[in-house]
């Protein structure tokens, strides 16, 4: 599937993995600019090249699930205003980029 899959405005997303779409998907965008993304069920995305996550609020579980399924992604864009596991909005936490890059298995120096 060389054309991008773009999902907009959904609170609950389930991408069936039985049809093999995850094994062919190269570009995925998930956006919800008016509500909260609560749950995402997807399988592993081994050939994903571009992932874009956008929205007003995402649950921690949804963010974690997508990032764990797309561990091999080459280009990641995240524009999420707030996160949390309830309807109370919490600011998206600061990310320790140095720690992230130092611990990423593909970015560690091989000695």
PDB file of N, CA and C in Angstrom:
ATOM      1  N   UNK A   1       0.857  -1.166   0.000  1.00  0.00           N
ATOM      2  CA  UNK A   1       0.000   0.000   0.000  1.00  0.00           C
ATOM      3  C   UNK A   1       0.900   1.225   0.000  1.00  0.00           C
ATOM      4  N   UNK A   2       1.155   1.797  -1.141  1.00  0.00           N
ATOM      5  CA  UNK A   2       2.057   2.936  -1.229  1.00  0.00           C
ATOM      6  C   UNK A   2       1.350   4.251  -0.941  1.00  0.00           C
ATOM      7  N   UNK A   3       0.030   4.298  -1.097  1.00  0.00           N
ATOM      8  CA  UNK A   3      -0.694   5.512  -0.739  1.00  0.00           C
ATOM      9  C   UNK A   3      -0.866   5.541   0.764  1.00  0.00           C
ATOM     10  N   UNK A   4      -0.909   6.738   1.351  1.00  0.00           N
ATOM     11  CA  UNK A   4      -0.995   6.813   2.808  1.00  0.00           C
ATOM     12  C   UNK A   4      -2.382   6.428   3.319  1.00  0.00           C
ATOM     13  N   UNK A   5      -2.405   5.885   4.518  1.00  0.00           N
ATOM     14  CA  UNK A   5      -3.659   5.644   5.216  1.00  0.00           C
ATOM     15  C   UNK A   5      -3.825   6.782   6.203  1.00  0.00           C
ATOM     16  N   UNK A   6      -4.908   7.529   6.071  1.00  0.00           N
ATOM     17  CA  UNK A   6      -5.144   8.683   6.922  1.00  0.00           C
ATOM     18  C   UNK A   6      -6.466   8.499   7.650  1.00  0.00           C
ATOM     19  N   UNK A   7      -6.412   8.480   8.980  1.00  0.00           N
ATOM     20  CA  UNK A   7      -7.592   8.326   9.823  1.00  0.00           C
ATOM     21  C   UNK A   7      -7.801   9.624  10.582  1.00  0.00           C
ATOM     22  N   UNK A   8      -8.971  10.237  10.429  1.00  0.00           N
ATOM     23  CA  UNK A   8      -9.227  11.522  11.072  1.00  0.00           C
ATOM     24  C   UNK A   8     -10.548  11.497  11.816  1.00  0.00           C
ATOM     25  N   UNK A   9     -10.537  12.054  13.033  1.00  0.00           N
ATOM     26  CA  UNK A   9     -11.758  12.275  13.787  1.00  0.00           C
ATOM     27  C   UNK A   9     -12.265  11.096  14.592  1.00  0.00           C
ATOM     28  N   UNK A  10     -11.521  10.009  14.680  1.00  0.00           N
ATOM     29  CA  UNK A  10     -11.986   8.830  15.408  1.00  0.00           C
ATOM     30  C   UNK A  10     -11.442   8.815  16.831  1.00  0.00           C
ATOM     31  N   UNK A  11     -12.255   8.317  17.777  1.00  0.00           N
ATOM     32  CA  UNK A  11     -11.829   8.175  19.166  1.00  0.00           C
ATOM     33  C   UNK A  11     -11.293   6.772  19.451  1.00  0.00           C
ATOM     34  N   UNK A  12     -11.831   5.781  18.761  1.00  0.00           N
ATOM     35  CA  UNK A  12     -11.448   4.377  18.919  1.00  0.00           C
ATOM     36  C   UNK A  12     -11.074   3.847  17.541  1.00  0.00           C
ATOM     37  N   UNK A  13      -9.895   3.271  17.418  1.00  0.00           N
ATOM     38  CA  UNK A  13      -9.427   2.801  16.115  1.00  0.00           C
ATOM     39  C   UNK A  13      -8.967   1.352  16.246  1.00  0.00           C
ATOM     40  N   UNK A  14      -9.440   0.521  15.341  1.00  0.00           N
ATOM     41  CA  UNK A  14      -9.000  -0.872  15.280  1.00  0.00           C
ATOM     42  C   UNK A  14      -8.633  -1.180  13.835  1.00  0.00           C
ATOM     43  N   UNK A  15      -7.392  -1.477  13.613  1.00  0.00           N
ATOM     44  CA  UNK A  15      -6.907  -1.819  12.281  1.00  0.00           C
ATOM     45  C   UNK A  15      -6.633  -3.314  12.273  1.00  0.00           C
ATOM     46  N   UNK A  16      -7.518  -4.063  11.635  1.00  0.00           N
ATOM     47  CA  UNK A  16      -7.385  -5.519  11.613  1.00  0.00           C
ATOM     48  C   UNK A  16      -6.072  -5.910  10.948  1.00  0.00           C
ATOM     49  N   UNK A  17      -5.378  -6.811  11.553  1.00  0.00           N
ATOM     50  CA  UNK A  17      -4.082  -7.231  11.039  1.00  0.00           C
ATOM     51  C   UNK A  17      -4.189  -8.506  10.214  1.00  0.00           C
ATOM     52  N   UNK A  18      -5.364  -9.149  10.227  1.00  0.00           N
ATOM     53  CA  UNK A  18      -5.540 -10.415   9.509  1.00  0.00           C
ATOM     54  C   UNK A  18      -5.364 -10.276   8.002  1.00  0.00           C
ATOM     55  N   UNK A  19      -5.698  -9.100   7.463  1.00  0.00           N
ATOM     56  CA  UNK A  19      -5.621  -8.932   6.010  1.00  0.00           C
ATOM     57  C   UNK A  19      -4.224  -8.562   5.530  1.00  0.00           C
ATOM     58  N   UNK A  20      -3.270  -8.440   6.442  1.00  0.00           N
ATOM     59  CA  UNK A  20      -1.892  -8.154   6.067  1.00  0.00           C
ATOM     60  C   UNK A  20      -1.605  -6.703   5.741  1.00  0.00           C
ATOM     61  N   UNK A  21      -2.554  -5.795   6.013  1.00  0.00           N
ATOM     62  CA  UNK A  21      -2.334  -4.385   5.674  1.00  0.00           C
ATOM     63  C   UNK A  21      -1.138  -3.819   6.435  1.00  0.00           C
ATOM     64  N   UNK A  22      -0.949  -4.237   7.682  1.00  0.00           N
ATOM     65  CA  UNK A  22       0.168  -3.730   8.468  1.00  0.00           C
ATOM     66  C   UNK A  22       1.519  -4.111   7.906  1.00  0.00           C
ATOM     67  N   UNK A  23       1.563  -5.214   7.185  1.00  0.00           N
ATOM     68  CA  UNK A  23       2.820  -5.658   6.585  1.00  0.00           C
ATOM     69  C   UNK A  23       3.178  -4.880   5.327  1.00  0.00           C
ATOM     70  N   UNK A  24       2.231  -4.111   4.796  1.00  0.00           N
ATOM     71  CA  UNK A  24       2.468  -3.351   3.559  1.00  0.00           C
ATOM     72  C   UNK A  24       2.374  -1.836   3.751  1.00  0.00           C
ATOM     73  N   UNK A  25       1.857  -1.407   4.883  1.00  0.00           N
ATOM     74  CA  UNK A  25       1.599   0.011   5.115  1.00  0.00           C
ATOM     75  C   UNK A  25       2.902   0.784   5.314  1.00  0.00           C
ATOM     76  N   UNK A  26       3.106   1.830   4.498  1.00  0.00           N
ATOM     77  CA  UNK A  26       4.333   2.620   4.587  1.00  0.00           C
ATOM     78  C   UNK A  26       4.110   3.997   5.201  1.00  0.00           C
ATOM     79  N   UNK A  27       2.887   4.540   5.080  1.00  0.00           N
ATOM     80  CA  UNK A  27       2.601   5.867   5.643  1.00  0.00           C
ATOM     81  C   UNK A  27       1.271   5.830   6.385  1.00  0.00           C
ATOM     82  N   UNK A  28       1.275   6.322   7.631  1.00  0.00           N
ATOM     83  CA  UNK A  28       0.073   6.317   8.453  1.00  0.00           C
ATOM     84  C   UNK A  28      -0.056   7.651   9.173  1.00  0.00           C
ATOM     85  N   UNK A  29      -1.235   8.257   9.074  1.00  0.00           N
ATOM     86  CA  UNK A  29      -1.560   9.480   9.796  1.00  0.00           C
ATOM     87  C   UNK A  29      -2.809   9.217  10.621  1.00  0.00           C
ATOM     88  N   UNK A  30      -2.741   9.562  11.906  1.00  0.00           N
ATOM     89  CA  UNK A  30      -3.902   9.476  12.782  1.00  0.00           C
ATOM     90  C   UNK A  30      -4.080  10.846  13.410  1.00  0.00           C
ATOM     91  N   UNK A  31      -5.263  11.439  13.213  1.00  0.00           N
ATOM     92  CA  UNK A  31      -5.512  12.792  13.708  1.00  0.00           C
ATOM     93  C   UNK A  31      -6.926  12.907  14.269  1.00  0.00           C
ATOM     94  N   UNK A  32      -7.058  13.664  15.345  1.00  0.00           N
ATOM     95  CA  UNK A  32      -8.363  14.011  15.897  1.00  0.00           C
ATOM     96  C   UNK A  32      -8.220  15.397  16.504  1.00  0.00           C
ATOM     97  N   UNK A  33      -8.689  16.395  15.792  1.00  0.00           N
ATOM     98  CA  UNK A  33      -8.488  17.777  16.212  1.00  0.00           C
ATOM     99  C   UNK A  33      -9.611  18.344  17.057  1.00  0.00           C
ATOM    100  N   UNK A  34     -10.652  17.541  17.341  1.00  0.00           N
ATOM    101  CA  UNK A  34     -11.751  18.066  18.154  1.00  0.00           C
ATOM    102  C   UNK A  34     -12.047  17.223  19.390  1.00  0.00           C
ATOM    103  N   UNK A  35     -11.484  16.037  19.491  1.00  0.00           N
ATOM    104  CA  UNK A  35     -11.783  15.164  20.624  1.00  0.00           C
ATOM    105  C   UNK A  35     -10.551  14.418  21.084  1.00  0.00           C
ATOM    106  N   UNK A  36     -10.798  13.368  21.845  1.00  0.00           N
ATOM    107  CA  UNK A  36      -9.728  12.563  22.419  1.00  0.00           C
ATOM    108  C   UNK A  36      -9.592  11.240  21.680  1.00  0.00           C
ATOM    109  N   UNK A  37      -8.360  10.826  21.425  1.00  0.00           N
ATOM    110  CA  UNK A  37      -8.089   9.488  20.899  1.00  0.00           C
ATOM    111  C   UNK A  37      -7.874   8.606  22.130  1.00  0.00           C
ATOM    112  N   UNK A  38      -8.819   7.679  22.370  1.00  0.00           N
ATOM    113  CA  UNK A  38      -8.778   6.845  23.566  1.00  0.00           C
ATOM    114  C   UNK A  38      -8.039   5.531  23.358  1.00  0.00           C
ATOM    115  N   UNK A  39      -8.354   4.829  22.278  1.00  0.00           N
ATOM    116  CA  UNK A  39      -7.838   3.478  22.094  1.00  0.00           C
ATOM    117  C   UNK A  39      -7.459   3.239  20.644  1.00  0.00           C
ATOM    118  N   UNK A  40      -6.333   2.582  20.452  1.00  0.00           N
ATOM    119  CA  UNK A  40      -5.914   2.171  19.113  1.00  0.00           C
ATOM    120  C   UNK A  40      -5.459   0.721  19.203  1.00  0.00           C
ATOM    121  N   UNK A  41      -6.040  -0.115  18.371  1.00  0.00           N
ATOM    122  CA  UNK A  41      -5.642  -1.519  18.273  1.00  0.00           C
ATOM    123  C   UNK A  41      -5.093  -1.749  16.875  1.00  0.00           C
ATOM    124  N   UNK A  42      -3.803  -1.924  16.791  1.00  0.00           N
ATOM    125  CA  UNK A  42      -3.167  -2.238  15.513  1.00  0.00           C
ATOM    126  C   UNK A  42      -2.096  -3.280  15.775  1.00  0.00           C
ATOM    127  N   UNK A  43      -1.729  -3.975  14.756  1.00  0.00           N
ATOM    128  CA  UNK A  43      -0.638  -4.941  14.875  1.00  0.00           C
ATOM    129  C   UNK A  43       0.688  -4.279  14.557  1.00  0.00           C
ATOM    130  N   UNK A  44       1.707  -5.076  14.506  1.00  0.00           N
ATOM    131  CA  UNK A  44       3.042  -4.579  14.180  1.00  0.00           C
ATOM    132  C   UNK A  44       3.058  -3.982  12.785  1.00  0.00           C
ATOM    133  N   UNK A  45       3.809  -2.898  12.629  1.00  0.00           N
ATOM    134  CA  UNK A  45       3.917  -2.194  11.347  1.00  0.00           C
ATOM    135  C   UNK A  45       5.385  -2.218  10.910  1.00  0.00           C
ATOM    136  N   UNK A  46       5.865  -3.336  10.391  1.00  0.00           N
ATOM    137  CA  UNK A  46       7.300  -3.515  10.151  1.00  0.00           C
ATOM    138  C   UNK A  46       7.892  -2.686   9.022  1.00  0.00           C
ATOM    139  N   UNK A  47       7.101  -2.261   8.040  1.00  0.00           N
ATOM    140  CA  UNK A  47       7.664  -1.505   6.915  1.00  0.00           C
ATOM    141  C   UNK A  47       7.232  -0.038   6.934  1.00  0.00           C
ATOM    142  N   UNK A  48       6.655   0.403   8.045  1.00  0.00           N
ATOM    143  CA  UNK A  48       6.182   1.783   8.137  1.00  0.00           C
ATOM    144  C   UNK A  48       7.356   2.753   8.030  1.00  0.00           C
ATOM    145  N   UNK A  49       7.252   3.705   7.118  1.00  0.00           N
ATOM    146  CA  UNK A  49       8.307   4.699   6.923  1.00  0.00           C
ATOM    147  C   UNK A  49       7.948   6.034   7.560  1.00  0.00           C
ATOM    148  N   UNK A  50       6.675   6.424   7.500  1.00  0.00           N
ATOM    149  CA  UNK A  50       6.241   7.718   8.032  1.00  0.00           C
ATOM    150  C   UNK A  50       5.035   7.523   8.932  1.00  0.00           C
ATOM    151  N   UNK A  51       5.104   8.123  10.134  1.00  0.00           N
ATOM    152  CA  UNK A  51       3.998   8.070  11.084  1.00  0.00           C
ATOM    153  C   UNK A  51       3.740   9.474  11.585  1.00  0.00           C
ATOM    154  N   UNK A  52       2.484   9.900  11.498  1.00  0.00           N
ATOM    155  CA  UNK A  52       2.095  11.215  11.977  1.00  0.00           C
ATOM    156  C   UNK A  52       0.950  11.053  12.969  1.00  0.00           C
ATOM    157  N   UNK A  53       1.144  11.557  14.186  1.00  0.00           N
ATOM    158  CA  UNK A  53       0.119  11.538  15.225  1.00  0.00           C
ATOM    159  C   UNK A  53      -0.204  12.980  15.581  1.00  0.00           C
ATOM    160  N   UNK A  54      -1.479  13.359  15.415  1.00  0.00           N
ATOM    161  CA  UNK A  54      -1.865  14.748  15.686  1.00  0.00           C
ATOM    162  C   UNK A  54      -3.176  14.763  16.460  1.00  0.00           C
ATOM    163  N   UNK A  55      -3.339  15.791  17.271  1.00  0.00           N
ATOM    164  CA  UNK A  55      -4.618  15.917  17.936  1.00  0.00           C
ATOM    165  C   UNK A  55      -4.592  16.784  19.169  1.00  0.00           C
ATOM    166  N   UNK A  56      -5.795  17.016  19.682  1.00  0.00           N
ATOM    167  CA  UNK A  56      -5.966  17.816  20.885  1.00  0.00           C
ATOM    168  C   UNK A  56      -5.544  17.013  22.107  1.00  0.00           C
ATOM    169  N   UNK A  57      -6.080  15.799  22.248  1.00  0.00           N
ATOM    170  CA  UNK A  57      -5.740  14.967  23.397  1.00  0.00           C
ATOM    171  C   UNK A  57      -5.718  13.499  23.006  1.00  0.00           C
ATOM    172  N   UNK A  58      -4.697  12.803  23.483  1.00  0.00           N
ATOM    173  CA  UNK A  58      -4.551  11.363  23.283  1.00  0.00           C
ATOM    174  C   UNK A  58      -4.388  10.715  24.646  1.00  0.00           C
ATOM    175  N   UNK A  59      -4.923   9.503  24.797  1.00  0.00           N
ATOM    176  CA  UNK A  59      -4.661   8.752  26.027  1.00  0.00           C
ATOM    177  C   UNK A  59      -3.236   8.209  25.954  1.00  0.00           C
ATOM    178  N   UNK A  60      -2.646   7.979  27.143  1.00  0.00           N
ATOM    179  CA  UNK A  60      -1.293   7.426  27.174  1.00  0.00           C
ATOM    180  C   UNK A  60      -1.256   6.068  26.499  1.00  0.00           C
ATOM    181  N   UNK A  61      -2.299   5.281  26.700  1.00  0.00           N
ATOM    182  CA  UNK A  61      -2.347   3.945  26.107  1.00  0.00           C
ATOM    183  C   UNK A  61      -2.313   3.975  24.594  1.00  0.00           C
ATOM    184  N   UNK A  62      -3.043   4.928  23.996  1.00  0.00           N
ATOM    185  CA  UNK A  62      -3.076   5.037  22.532  1.00  0.00           C
ATOM    186  C   UNK A  62      -1.703   5.429  21.985  1.00  0.00           C
ATOM    187  N   UNK A  63      -1.065   6.401  22.616  1.00  0.00           N
ATOM    188  CA  UNK A  63       0.271   6.829  22.173  1.00  0.00           C
ATOM    189  C   UNK A  63       1.259   5.673  22.303  1.00  0.00           C
ATOM    190  N   UNK A  64       1.243   5.036  23.448  1.00  0.00           N
ATOM    191  CA  UNK A  64       2.166   3.930  23.703  1.00  0.00           C
ATOM    192  C   UNK A  64       1.960   2.784  22.723  1.00  0.00           C
ATOM    193  N   UNK A  65       0.712   2.443  22.452  1.00  0.00           N
ATOM    194  CA  UNK A  65       0.401   1.329  21.548  1.00  0.00           C
ATOM    195  C   UNK A  65       0.923   1.601  20.137  1.00  0.00           C
ATOM    196  N   UNK A  66       0.655   2.805  19.626  1.00  0.00           N
ATOM    197  CA  UNK A  66       1.095   3.129  18.265  1.00  0.00           C
ATOM    198  C   UNK A  66       2.616   3.120  18.174  1.00  0.00           C
ATOM    199  N   UNK A  67       3.275   3.736  19.141  1.00  0.00           N
ATOM    200  CA  UNK A  67       4.737   3.800  19.088  1.00  0.00           C
ATOM    201  C   UNK A  67       5.377   2.422  19.227  1.00  0.00           C
ATOM    202  N   UNK A  68       4.786   1.548  20.032  1.00  0.00           N
ATOM    203  CA  UNK A  68       5.360   0.208  20.163  1.00  0.00           C
ATOM    204  C   UNK A  68       5.138  -0.625  18.902  1.00  0.00           C
ATOM    205  N   UNK A  69       4.027  -0.415  18.213  1.00  0.00           N
ATOM    206  CA  UNK A  69       3.756  -1.163  16.976  1.00  0.00           C
ATOM    207  C   UNK A  69       4.581  -0.645  15.805  1.00  0.00           C
ATOM    208  N   UNK A  70       5.016   0.596  15.888  1.00  0.00           N
ATOM    209  CA  UNK A  70       5.771   1.224  14.800  1.00  0.00           C
ATOM    210  C   UNK A  70       7.217   1.467  15.222  1.00  0.00           C
ATOM    211  N   UNK A  71       7.797   0.508  15.905  1.00  0.00           N
ATOM    212  CA  UNK A  71       9.148   0.681  16.441  1.00  0.00           C
ATOM    213  C   UNK A  71      10.199   0.888  15.362  1.00  0.00           C
ATOM    214  N   UNK A  72       9.928   0.462  14.145  1.00  0.00           N
ATOM    215  CA  UNK A  72      10.898   0.574  13.054  1.00  0.00           C
ATOM    216  C   UNK A  72      10.667   1.802  12.173  1.00  0.00           C
ATOM    217  N   UNK A  73       9.758   2.694  12.566  1.00  0.00           N
ATOM    218  CA  UNK A  73       9.407   3.842  11.728  1.00  0.00           C
ATOM    219  C   UNK A  73      10.640   4.714  11.480  1.00  0.00           C
ATOM    220  N   UNK A  74      10.728   5.243  10.275  1.00  0.00           N
ATOM    221  CA  UNK A  74      11.882   6.065   9.898  1.00  0.00           C
ATOM    222  C   UNK A  74      11.638   7.554  10.148  1.00  0.00           C
ATOM    223  N   UNK A  75      10.382   8.016  10.021  1.00  0.00           N
ATOM    224  CA  UNK A  75      10.062   9.431  10.201  1.00  0.00           C
ATOM    225  C   UNK A  75       8.832   9.536  11.090  1.00  0.00           C
ATOM    226  N   UNK A  76       8.983  10.187  12.237  1.00  0.00           N
ATOM    227  CA  UNK A  76       7.889  10.328  13.199  1.00  0.00           C
ATOM    228  C   UNK A  76       7.568  11.797  13.403  1.00  0.00           C
ATOM    229  N   UNK A  77       6.288  12.134  13.276  1.00  0.00           N
ATOM    230  CA  UNK A  77       5.817  13.492  13.550  1.00  0.00           C
ATOM    231  C   UNK A  77       4.716  13.387  14.596  1.00  0.00           C
ATOM    232  N   UNK A  78       4.907  14.063  15.726  1.00  0.00           N
ATOM    233  CA  UNK A  78       3.882  14.078  16.768  1.00  0.00           C
ATOM    234  C   UNK A  78       3.536  15.518  17.094  1.00  0.00           C
ATOM    235  N   UNK A  79       2.257  15.829  17.000  1.00  0.00           N
ATOM    236  CA  UNK A  79       1.761  17.146  17.379  1.00  0.00           C
ATOM    237  C   UNK A  79       0.516  16.916  18.226  1.00  0.00           C
ATOM    238  N   UNK A  80       0.742  16.582  19.488  1.00  0.00           N
ATOM    239  CA  UNK A  80      -0.327  16.268  20.428  1.00  0.00           C
ATOM    240  C   UNK A  80      -0.290  17.317  21.527  1.00  0.00           C
ATOM    241  N   UNK A  81      -1.419  18.007  21.720  1.00  0.00           N
ATOM    242  CA  UNK A  81      -1.458  19.098  22.685  1.00  0.00           C
ATOM    243  C   UNK A  81      -1.410  18.597  24.124  1.00  0.00           C
ATOM    244  N   UNK A  82      -2.136  17.524  24.429  1.00  0.00           N
ATOM    245  CA  UNK A  82      -2.167  17.026  25.798  1.00  0.00           C
ATOM    246  C   UNK A  82      -2.422  15.530  25.811  1.00  0.00           C
ATOM    247  N   UNK A  83      -2.043  14.903  26.918  1.00  0.00           N
ATOM    248  CA  UNK A  83      -2.211  13.456  27.077  1.00  0.00           C
ATOM    249  C   UNK A  83      -2.760  13.166  28.456  1.00  0.00           C
ATOM    250  N   UNK A  84      -3.182  11.951  28.639  1.00  0.00           N
ATOM    251  CA  UNK A  84      -3.673  11.505  29.939  1.00  0.00           C
ATOM    252  C   UNK A  84      -4.599  10.329  29.760  1.00  0.00           C
ATOM    253  N   UNK A  85      -4.963   9.714  30.873  1.00  0.00           N
ATOM    254  CA  UNK A  85      -5.866   8.573  30.826  1.00  0.00           C
ATOM    255  C   UNK A  85      -7.261   8.932  31.312  1.00  0.00           C
ATOM    256  N   UNK A  86      -7.552  10.200  31.396  1.00  0.00           N
ATOM    257  CA  UNK A  86      -8.891  10.648  31.773  1.00  0.00           C
ATOM    258  C   UNK A  86      -9.247  11.839  30.894  1.00  0.00           C
ATOM    259  N   UNK A  87     -10.418  12.392  31.116  1.00  0.00           N
ATOM    260  CA  UNK A  87     -10.823  13.553  30.322  1.00  0.00           C
ATOM    261  C   UNK A  87     -10.145  14.837  30.783  1.00  0.00           C
ATOM    262  N   UNK A  88      -9.475  14.798  31.938  1.00  0.00           N
ATOM    263  CA  UNK A  88      -8.719  15.962  32.393  1.00  0.00           C
ATOM    264  C   UNK A  88      -7.466  16.078  31.530  1.00  0.00           C
ATOM    265  N   UNK A  89      -7.279  17.214  30.943  1.00  0.00           N
ATOM    266  CA  UNK A  89      -6.126  17.399  30.051  1.00  0.00           C
ATOM    267  C   UNK A  89      -4.858  17.654  30.838  1.00  0.00           C
ATOM    268  N   UNK A  90      -3.844  16.922  30.479  1.00  0.00           N
ATOM    269  CA  UNK A  90      -2.526  17.089  31.066  1.00  0.00           C
ATOM    270  C   UNK A  90      -1.580  17.480  29.943  1.00  0.00           C
ATOM    271  N   UNK A  91      -0.687  18.440  30.174  1.00  0.00           N
ATOM    272  CA  UNK A  91       0.238  18.803  29.096  1.00  0.00           C
ATOM    273  C   UNK A  91       1.114  17.618  28.726  1.00  0.00           C
ATOM    274  N   UNK A  92       1.455  17.550  27.458  1.00  0.00           N
ATOM    275  CA  UNK A  92       2.342  16.478  27.013  1.00  0.00           C
ATOM    276  C   UNK A  92       3.681  16.681  27.701  1.00  0.00           C
ATOM    277  N   UNK A  93       4.250  15.630  28.295  1.00  0.00           N
ATOM    278  CA  UNK A  93       5.485  15.801  29.072  1.00  0.00           C
ATOM    279  C   UNK A  93       6.679  16.138  28.190  1.00  0.00           C
ATOM    280  N   UNK A  94       7.647  16.776  28.822  1.00  0.00           N
ATOM    281  CA  UNK A  94       8.894  17.036  28.115  1.00  0.00           C
ATOM    282  C   UNK A  94       9.588  15.702  27.858  1.00  0.00           C
ATOM    283  N   UNK A  95      10.228  15.600  26.738  1.00  0.00           N
ATOM    284  CA  UNK A  95      10.918  14.367  26.368  1.00  0.00           C
ATOM    285  C   UNK A  95      12.416  14.609  26.457  1.00  0.00           C
ATOM    286  N   UNK A  96      13.103  13.709  27.129  1.00  0.00           N
ATOM    287  CA  UNK A  96      14.555  13.777  27.224  1.00  0.00           C
ATOM    288  C   UNK A  96      15.128  13.206  25.930  1.00  0.00           C
ATOM    289  N   UNK A  97      15.368  14.081  24.956  1.00  0.00           N
ATOM    290  CA  UNK A  97      15.832  13.621  23.647  1.00  0.00           C
ATOM    291  C   UNK A  97      17.198  12.949  23.720  1.00  0.00           C
ATOM    292  N   UNK A  98      18.073  13.461  24.573  1.00  0.00           N
ATOM    293  CA  UNK A  98      19.393  12.837  24.700  1.00  0.00           C
ATOM    294  C   UNK A  98      19.244  11.409  25.212  1.00  0.00           C
ATOM    295  N   UNK A  99      18.405  11.219  26.206  1.00  0.00           N
ATOM    296  CA  UNK A  99      18.167   9.878  26.732  1.00  0.00           C
ATOM    297  C   UNK A  99      17.535   8.965  25.701  1.00  0.00           C
ATOM    298  N   UNK A 100      16.587   9.505  24.938  1.00  0.00           N
ATOM    299  CA  UNK A 100      15.928   8.717  23.898  1.00  0.00           C
ATOM    300  C   UNK A 100      16.928   8.253  22.852  1.00  0.00           C
ATOM    301  N   UNK A 101      17.716   9.183  22.331  1.00  0.00           N
ATOM    302  CA  UNK A 101      18.666   8.824  21.278  1.00  0.00           C
ATOM    303  C   UNK A 101      19.779   7.917  21.802  1.00  0.00           C
ATOM    304  N   UNK A 102      20.206   8.128  23.044  1.00  0.00           N
ATOM    305  CA  UNK A 102      21.253   7.275  23.614  1.00  0.00           C
ATOM    306  C   UNK A 102      20.768   5.855  23.873  1.00  0.00           C
ATOM    307  N   UNK A 103      19.468   5.685  24.116  1.00  0.00           N
ATOM    308  CA  UNK A 103      18.956   4.350  24.422  1.00  0.00           C
ATOM    309  C   UNK A 103      18.336   3.649  23.215  1.00  0.00           C
ATOM    310  N   UNK A 104      18.181   4.344  22.103  1.00  0.00           N
ATOM    311  CA  UNK A 104      17.559   3.738  20.922  1.00  0.00           C
ATOM    312  C   UNK A 104      18.508   2.692  20.344  1.00  0.00           C
ATOM    313  N   UNK A 105      18.022   1.446  20.152  1.00  0.00           N
ATOM    314  CA  UNK A 105      18.926   0.374  19.711  1.00  0.00           C
ATOM    315  C   UNK A 105      19.594   0.619  18.361  1.00  0.00           C
ATOM    316  N   UNK A 106      18.937   1.301  17.460  1.00  0.00           N
ATOM    317  CA  UNK A 106      19.542   1.533  16.141  1.00  0.00           C
ATOM    318  C   UNK A 106      20.482   2.736  16.135  1.00  0.00           C
ATOM    319  N   UNK A 107      20.472   3.515  17.205  1.00  0.00           N
ATOM    320  CA  UNK A 107      21.315   4.705  17.243  1.00  0.00           C
ATOM    321  C   UNK A 107      22.527   4.527  18.155  1.00  0.00           C
ATOM    322  N   UNK A 108      22.595   3.415  18.857  1.00  0.00           N
ATOM    323  CA  UNK A 108      23.749   3.155  19.718  1.00  0.00           C
ATOM    324  C   UNK A 108      24.956   2.827  18.863  1.00  0.00           C
ATOM    325  N   UNK A 109      26.106   3.284  19.299  1.00  0.00           N
ATOM    326  CA  UNK A 109      27.323   2.963  18.542  1.00  0.00           C
ATOM    327  C   UNK A 109      27.688   1.505  18.783  1.00  0.00           C
ATOM    328  N   UNK A 110      28.093   0.847  17.742  1.00  0.00           N
ATOM    329  CA  UNK A 110      28.475  -0.562  17.805  1.00  0.00           C
ATOM    330  C   UNK A 110      29.988  -0.634  17.967  1.00  0.00           C
ATOM    331  N   UNK A 111      30.444  -1.088  19.117  1.00  0.00           N
ATOM    332  CA  UNK A 111      31.880  -1.172  19.386  1.00  0.00           C
ATOM    333  C   UNK A 111      32.333  -2.596  19.312  1.00  0.00           C
TER     334      UNK A 111
END
